[in-house]
């Protein structure tokens, strides 16, 4: 099995003992991204809309670093602190992903790192 660690300077560096993503046998498995500004490593201010924008920008950077994109994402998992914010998150998600429609799970959680409102992870094919 071929395994490679992926790191993009355009996404936040890992804040723990993990990688931004791992390439394994033609797939990319990303760590969950939270709305950290990669330049400052601070949580972006604003509501779930602003935070989802940053999370998806971070994931886009990791996907591109691995040589893939949203069209090749096969599964995402969205973690929301409040399911009442689903529609706002979903509007940003839909706009950013465009025609890409990966399988997705969305779950409400009690808390997320750094008290953020949203975290998203993805699994993608690497063309």
N, C-alpha and C. Protein backbone atom coordinates (compact mmCIF):
# COMPACT_ATOMS: atom_id res chain seq x y z
N UNK A 1 0.85 -1.18 0.00
CA UNK A 1 0.00 0.00 0.00
C UNK A 1 0.89 1.24 0.00
N UNK A 2 0.56 2.19 -0.84
CA UNK A 2 1.28 3.45 -0.93
C UNK A 2 0.56 4.51 -0.11
N UNK A 3 1.27 5.12 0.84
CA UNK A 3 0.68 6.15 1.70
C UNK A 3 1.57 7.38 1.65
N UNK A 4 0.94 8.56 1.46
CA UNK A 4 1.69 9.81 1.41
C UNK A 4 0.95 10.87 2.22
N UNK A 5 1.70 11.61 3.02
CA UNK A 5 1.14 12.73 3.77
C UNK A 5 1.01 13.93 2.85
N UNK A 6 -0.11 14.63 2.93
CA UNK A 6 -0.36 15.83 2.12
C UNK A 6 -0.39 17.04 3.05
N UNK A 7 0.30 18.10 2.62
CA UNK A 7 0.29 19.36 3.38
C UNK A 7 0.23 20.53 2.41
N UNK A 8 -0.72 21.43 2.63
CA UNK A 8 -0.83 22.67 1.87
C UNK A 8 -0.56 23.85 2.79
N UNK A 9 0.28 24.77 2.35
CA UNK A 9 0.51 26.00 3.11
C UNK A 9 -0.70 26.93 3.03
N UNK A 10 -1.63 26.64 2.13
CA UNK A 10 -2.83 27.47 1.97
C UNK A 10 -3.97 27.02 2.88
N UNK A 11 -3.71 26.00 3.68
CA UNK A 11 -4.66 25.52 4.68
C UNK A 11 -3.97 25.55 6.03
N UNK A 12 -4.73 25.61 7.11
CA UNK A 12 -4.11 25.66 8.44
C UNK A 12 -3.25 24.43 8.71
N UNK A 13 -2.12 24.66 9.35
CA UNK A 13 -1.30 23.51 9.74
C UNK A 13 -2.05 22.73 10.81
N UNK A 14 -1.75 21.46 10.91
CA UNK A 14 -2.41 20.61 11.90
C UNK A 14 -2.13 21.15 13.30
N UNK A 15 -3.16 21.18 14.14
CA UNK A 15 -3.00 21.69 15.51
C UNK A 15 -2.87 20.55 16.51
N UNK A 16 -2.54 19.39 16.01
CA UNK A 16 -2.35 18.22 16.86
C UNK A 16 -1.54 17.18 16.12
N UNK A 17 -1.48 15.97 16.65
CA UNK A 17 -0.68 14.91 16.04
C UNK A 17 -1.43 14.21 14.90
N UNK A 18 -1.67 14.94 13.82
CA UNK A 18 -2.36 14.39 12.66
C UNK A 18 -1.90 15.15 11.42
N UNK A 19 -2.29 14.67 10.25
CA UNK A 19 -1.96 15.30 8.98
C UNK A 19 -3.19 15.98 8.40
N UNK A 20 -2.98 16.99 7.55
CA UNK A 20 -4.10 17.61 6.85
C UNK A 20 -4.84 16.57 6.02
N UNK A 21 -4.06 15.68 5.40
CA UNK A 21 -4.66 14.63 4.58
C UNK A 21 -3.65 13.52 4.34
N UNK A 22 -4.18 12.37 3.98
CA UNK A 22 -3.36 11.22 3.63
C UNK A 22 -3.84 10.69 2.27
N UNK A 23 -2.88 10.52 1.36
CA UNK A 23 -3.16 9.87 0.08
C UNK A 23 -2.84 8.39 0.25
N UNK A 24 -3.81 7.53 -0.07
CA UNK A 24 -3.61 6.09 0.05
C UNK A 24 -4.34 5.37 -1.07
N UNK A 25 -3.59 4.65 -1.89
CA UNK A 25 -4.16 3.81 -2.96
C UNK A 25 -5.19 4.53 -3.82
N UNK A 26 -4.86 5.74 -4.25
CA UNK A 26 -5.74 6.47 -5.16
C UNK A 26 -6.84 7.26 -4.50
N UNK A 27 -6.88 7.26 -3.18
CA UNK A 27 -7.87 8.04 -2.44
C UNK A 27 -7.17 9.08 -1.58
N UNK A 28 -7.88 10.15 -1.30
CA UNK A 28 -7.42 11.17 -0.36
C UNK A 28 -8.39 11.21 0.80
N UNK A 29 -7.86 11.10 2.00
CA UNK A 29 -8.65 11.18 3.23
C UNK A 29 -8.22 12.43 3.97
N UNK A 30 -9.11 13.41 4.10
CA UNK A 30 -8.73 14.65 4.78
C UNK A 30 -9.07 14.57 6.25
N UNK A 31 -8.31 15.31 7.02
CA UNK A 31 -8.69 15.55 8.40
C UNK A 31 -9.85 16.54 8.37
N UNK A 32 -10.60 16.60 9.44
CA UNK A 32 -11.64 17.61 9.53
C UNK A 32 -11.00 18.99 9.54
N UNK A 33 -11.56 19.89 8.76
CA UNK A 33 -11.09 21.27 8.75
C UNK A 33 -12.07 22.13 9.52
N UNK A 34 -11.51 22.99 10.35
CA UNK A 34 -12.31 23.99 11.06
C UNK A 34 -11.97 25.35 10.47
N UNK A 35 -12.74 26.39 10.80
CA UNK A 35 -12.56 27.69 10.15
C UNK A 35 -11.37 28.49 10.69
N UNK A 36 -10.18 27.94 10.53
CA UNK A 36 -8.97 28.67 10.90
C UNK A 36 -8.43 29.39 9.68
N UNK A 37 -8.04 30.63 9.86
CA UNK A 37 -7.33 31.37 8.81
C UNK A 37 -5.91 30.81 8.78
N UNK A 38 -5.46 30.27 7.64
CA UNK A 38 -4.14 29.65 7.61
C UNK A 38 -2.99 30.63 7.88
N UNK A 39 -3.20 31.90 7.62
CA UNK A 39 -2.14 32.89 7.84
C UNK A 39 -1.96 33.21 9.32
N UNK A 40 -3.07 33.25 10.06
CA UNK A 40 -3.00 33.65 11.47
C UNK A 40 -3.22 32.50 12.44
N UNK A 41 -3.79 31.40 11.93
CA UNK A 41 -4.18 30.26 12.76
C UNK A 41 -5.23 30.65 13.81
N UNK A 42 -5.98 31.70 13.51
CA UNK A 42 -7.09 32.13 14.36
C UNK A 42 -8.41 31.76 13.71
N UNK A 43 -9.43 31.51 14.52
CA UNK A 43 -10.77 31.23 14.02
C UNK A 43 -11.32 32.50 13.36
N UNK A 44 -11.89 32.34 12.15
CA UNK A 44 -12.48 33.50 11.49
C UNK A 44 -13.70 33.96 12.27
N UNK A 45 -13.90 35.25 12.29
CA UNK A 45 -15.06 35.77 13.00
C UNK A 45 -16.29 35.62 12.13
N UNK A 46 -17.43 35.66 12.76
CA UNK A 46 -18.67 35.60 12.02
C UNK A 46 -19.50 34.38 12.34
N UNK A 47 -20.59 34.28 11.61
CA UNK A 47 -21.57 33.22 11.83
C UNK A 47 -21.17 31.94 11.10
N UNK A 48 -22.08 30.97 11.07
CA UNK A 48 -21.79 29.69 10.43
C UNK A 48 -21.54 29.86 8.93
N UNK A 49 -22.12 30.87 8.31
CA UNK A 49 -21.88 31.13 6.89
C UNK A 49 -20.41 31.48 6.66
N UNK A 50 -19.89 32.43 7.42
CA UNK A 50 -18.48 32.82 7.28
C UNK A 50 -17.56 31.66 7.64
N UNK A 51 -17.93 30.92 8.67
CA UNK A 51 -17.09 29.80 9.08
C UNK A 51 -17.10 28.68 8.03
N UNK A 52 -18.24 28.42 7.42
CA UNK A 52 -18.30 27.40 6.38
C UNK A 52 -17.48 27.81 5.16
N UNK A 53 -17.52 29.09 4.81
CA UNK A 53 -16.69 29.60 3.70
C UNK A 53 -15.22 29.27 3.95
N UNK A 54 -14.74 29.52 5.16
CA UNK A 54 -13.33 29.29 5.47
C UNK A 54 -13.00 27.80 5.48
N UNK A 55 -13.89 27.00 6.06
CA UNK A 55 -13.67 25.56 6.10
C UNK A 55 -13.54 25.01 4.68
N UNK A 56 -14.43 25.41 3.79
CA UNK A 56 -14.39 24.90 2.42
C UNK A 56 -13.19 25.44 1.64
N UNK A 57 -12.76 26.66 1.94
CA UNK A 57 -11.53 27.18 1.32
C UNK A 57 -10.33 26.36 1.78
N UNK A 58 -10.30 26.01 3.06
CA UNK A 58 -9.21 25.18 3.58
C UNK A 58 -9.21 23.80 2.91
N UNK A 59 -10.38 23.20 2.81
CA UNK A 59 -10.47 21.88 2.16
C UNK A 59 -10.10 21.95 0.69
N UNK A 60 -10.51 23.01 0.01
CA UNK A 60 -10.16 23.19 -1.40
C UNK A 60 -8.65 23.22 -1.56
N UNK A 61 -7.96 23.93 -0.68
CA UNK A 61 -6.50 24.01 -0.75
C UNK A 61 -5.86 22.63 -0.57
N UNK A 62 -6.37 21.85 0.35
CA UNK A 62 -5.83 20.50 0.59
C UNK A 62 -6.11 19.61 -0.62
N UNK A 63 -7.32 19.68 -1.16
CA UNK A 63 -7.65 18.89 -2.34
C UNK A 63 -6.70 19.22 -3.50
N UNK A 64 -6.51 20.51 -3.74
CA UNK A 64 -5.64 20.94 -4.85
C UNK A 64 -4.20 20.50 -4.63
N UNK A 65 -3.73 20.57 -3.40
CA UNK A 65 -2.36 20.13 -3.10
C UNK A 65 -2.18 18.64 -3.45
N UNK A 66 -3.23 17.87 -3.28
CA UNK A 66 -3.17 16.44 -3.57
C UNK A 66 -3.44 16.12 -5.03
N UNK A 67 -3.77 17.14 -5.82
CA UNK A 67 -4.03 16.92 -7.24
C UNK A 67 -5.45 16.51 -7.55
N UNK A 68 -6.39 16.91 -6.71
CA UNK A 68 -7.78 16.58 -6.95
C UNK A 68 -8.65 17.81 -6.70
N UNK A 69 -9.95 17.64 -6.80
CA UNK A 69 -10.87 18.77 -6.62
C UNK A 69 -12.24 18.26 -6.17
N UNK A 70 -13.18 19.18 -6.02
CA UNK A 70 -14.50 18.81 -5.51
C UNK A 70 -15.23 17.83 -6.43
N UNK A 71 -14.95 17.86 -7.73
CA UNK A 71 -15.60 16.94 -8.66
C UNK A 71 -15.22 15.48 -8.37
N UNK A 72 -14.11 15.27 -7.66
CA UNK A 72 -13.65 13.93 -7.35
C UNK A 72 -13.90 13.53 -5.89
N UNK A 73 -14.56 14.39 -5.15
CA UNK A 73 -14.91 14.06 -3.76
C UNK A 73 -16.07 13.09 -3.78
N UNK A 74 -15.92 11.99 -3.05
CA UNK A 74 -16.97 10.96 -3.03
C UNK A 74 -17.79 10.97 -1.74
N UNK A 75 -17.24 11.59 -0.68
CA UNK A 75 -17.95 11.58 0.62
C UNK A 75 -17.47 12.74 1.46
N UNK A 76 -18.40 13.42 2.09
CA UNK A 76 -18.05 14.42 3.10
C UNK A 76 -18.83 14.12 4.37
N UNK A 77 -18.28 14.58 5.47
CA UNK A 77 -18.99 14.55 6.74
C UNK A 77 -18.94 15.96 7.31
N UNK A 78 -20.10 16.48 7.65
CA UNK A 78 -20.23 17.82 8.22
C UNK A 78 -20.62 17.67 9.68
N UNK A 79 -19.89 18.36 10.53
CA UNK A 79 -20.19 18.39 11.96
C UNK A 79 -20.66 19.81 12.29
N UNK A 80 -21.88 19.93 12.78
CA UNK A 80 -22.45 21.23 13.14
C UNK A 80 -22.70 21.28 14.64
N UNK A 81 -22.42 22.42 15.22
CA UNK A 81 -22.72 22.59 16.64
C UNK A 81 -24.21 22.79 16.88
N UNK A 82 -24.91 23.29 15.86
CA UNK A 82 -26.35 23.56 16.00
C UNK A 82 -27.03 23.21 14.68
N UNK A 83 -27.88 22.21 14.68
CA UNK A 83 -28.55 21.79 13.46
C UNK A 83 -29.48 22.88 12.91
N UNK A 84 -29.83 23.86 13.72
CA UNK A 84 -30.62 24.99 13.24
C UNK A 84 -29.84 25.80 12.20
N UNK A 85 -28.52 25.62 12.14
CA UNK A 85 -27.68 26.33 11.18
C UNK A 85 -27.45 25.54 9.90
N UNK A 86 -28.16 24.42 9.76
CA UNK A 86 -27.99 23.56 8.59
C UNK A 86 -28.22 24.31 7.28
N UNK A 87 -29.31 25.05 7.18
CA UNK A 87 -29.65 25.73 5.92
C UNK A 87 -28.57 26.73 5.52
N UNK A 88 -28.06 27.47 6.47
CA UNK A 88 -27.01 28.45 6.17
C UNK A 88 -25.73 27.76 5.71
N UNK A 89 -25.34 26.69 6.41
CA UNK A 89 -24.16 25.92 6.00
C UNK A 89 -24.39 25.33 4.62
N UNK A 90 -25.57 24.76 4.39
CA UNK A 90 -25.88 24.08 3.15
C UNK A 90 -25.86 25.04 1.95
N UNK A 91 -26.26 26.28 2.15
CA UNK A 91 -26.24 27.26 1.06
C UNK A 91 -24.81 27.51 0.60
N UNK A 92 -23.89 27.68 1.54
CA UNK A 92 -22.49 27.88 1.18
C UNK A 92 -21.92 26.62 0.55
N UNK A 93 -22.17 25.49 1.14
CA UNK A 93 -21.69 24.19 0.65
C UNK A 93 -22.13 23.98 -0.80
N UNK A 94 -23.40 24.22 -1.08
CA UNK A 94 -23.95 24.03 -2.41
C UNK A 94 -23.28 24.96 -3.42
N UNK A 95 -23.08 26.22 -3.04
CA UNK A 95 -22.45 27.19 -3.94
C UNK A 95 -21.00 26.82 -4.23
N UNK A 96 -20.25 26.46 -3.20
CA UNK A 96 -18.83 26.13 -3.38
C UNK A 96 -18.65 24.84 -4.17
N UNK A 97 -19.44 23.82 -3.88
CA UNK A 97 -19.28 22.54 -4.57
C UNK A 97 -19.87 22.54 -5.97
N UNK A 98 -20.77 23.46 -6.26
CA UNK A 98 -21.34 23.55 -7.60
C UNK A 98 -22.02 22.26 -8.01
N UNK A 99 -21.57 21.69 -9.14
CA UNK A 99 -22.19 20.47 -9.65
C UNK A 99 -21.76 19.21 -8.91
N UNK A 100 -20.75 19.30 -8.08
CA UNK A 100 -20.29 18.13 -7.31
C UNK A 100 -21.35 17.79 -6.27
N UNK A 101 -21.70 16.53 -6.21
CA UNK A 101 -22.72 16.07 -5.26
C UNK A 101 -22.24 14.80 -4.57
N UNK A 102 -21.18 14.91 -3.74
CA UNK A 102 -20.70 13.71 -3.04
C UNK A 102 -21.73 13.23 -2.02
N UNK A 103 -21.62 11.97 -1.65
CA UNK A 103 -22.42 11.48 -0.53
C UNK A 103 -22.05 12.33 0.69
N UNK A 104 -23.00 12.54 1.57
CA UNK A 104 -22.71 13.40 2.73
C UNK A 104 -23.50 12.96 3.93
N UNK A 105 -22.85 13.05 5.08
CA UNK A 105 -23.53 12.92 6.37
C UNK A 105 -23.37 14.24 7.09
N UNK A 106 -24.41 14.66 7.78
CA UNK A 106 -24.33 15.87 8.60
C UNK A 106 -24.83 15.50 9.98
N UNK A 107 -24.01 15.77 10.98
CA UNK A 107 -24.38 15.43 12.34
C UNK A 107 -24.21 16.64 13.26
N UNK A 108 -25.06 16.72 14.25
CA UNK A 108 -24.94 17.75 15.27
C UNK A 108 -24.07 17.18 16.39
N UNK A 109 -23.18 18.01 16.89
CA UNK A 109 -22.27 17.60 17.95
C UNK A 109 -22.35 18.59 19.10
N UNK A 110 -21.96 18.13 20.26
CA UNK A 110 -22.02 18.97 21.44
C UNK A 110 -21.01 20.12 21.38
N UNK A 111 -19.81 19.83 20.89
CA UNK A 111 -18.77 20.84 20.83
C UNK A 111 -17.77 20.47 19.74
N UNK A 112 -17.04 21.48 19.27
CA UNK A 112 -15.99 21.30 18.27
C UNK A 112 -14.74 22.02 18.74
N UNK A 113 -13.57 21.67 18.20
CA UNK A 113 -12.34 22.34 18.62
C UNK A 113 -12.44 23.86 18.49
N UNK A 114 -11.86 24.54 19.45
CA UNK A 114 -11.82 26.01 19.48
C UNK A 114 -13.20 26.64 19.45
N UNK A 115 -14.21 25.87 19.87
CA UNK A 115 -15.59 26.35 19.98
C UNK A 115 -16.15 26.86 18.65
N UNK A 116 -15.71 26.26 17.52
CA UNK A 116 -16.21 26.67 16.21
C UNK A 116 -17.61 26.12 15.98
N UNK A 117 -18.26 26.60 14.93
CA UNK A 117 -19.63 26.20 14.63
C UNK A 117 -19.71 25.03 13.66
N UNK A 118 -18.63 24.81 12.84
CA UNK A 118 -18.68 23.80 11.79
C UNK A 118 -17.30 23.19 11.55
N UNK A 119 -17.29 21.91 11.23
CA UNK A 119 -16.09 21.19 10.81
C UNK A 119 -16.52 20.26 9.69
N UNK A 120 -15.67 20.13 8.66
CA UNK A 120 -15.99 19.26 7.53
C UNK A 120 -14.75 18.45 7.15
N UNK A 121 -14.97 17.17 6.85
CA UNK A 121 -13.92 16.29 6.34
C UNK A 121 -14.38 15.71 5.02
N UNK A 122 -13.43 15.20 4.22
CA UNK A 122 -13.78 14.68 2.90
C UNK A 122 -12.93 13.47 2.53
N UNK A 123 -13.49 12.66 1.64
CA UNK A 123 -12.77 11.56 1.00
C UNK A 123 -12.90 11.80 -0.51
N UNK A 124 -11.76 11.76 -1.21
CA UNK A 124 -11.78 12.04 -2.65
C UNK A 124 -10.96 11.01 -3.41
N UNK A 125 -11.30 10.84 -4.68
CA UNK A 125 -10.49 10.09 -5.61
C UNK A 125 -9.38 11.01 -6.11
N UNK A 126 -8.23 10.45 -6.37
CA UNK A 126 -7.15 11.23 -6.96
C UNK A 126 -7.01 10.76 -8.40
N UNK A 127 -7.38 11.62 -9.36
CA UNK A 127 -7.36 11.21 -10.78
C UNK A 127 -5.94 10.91 -11.27
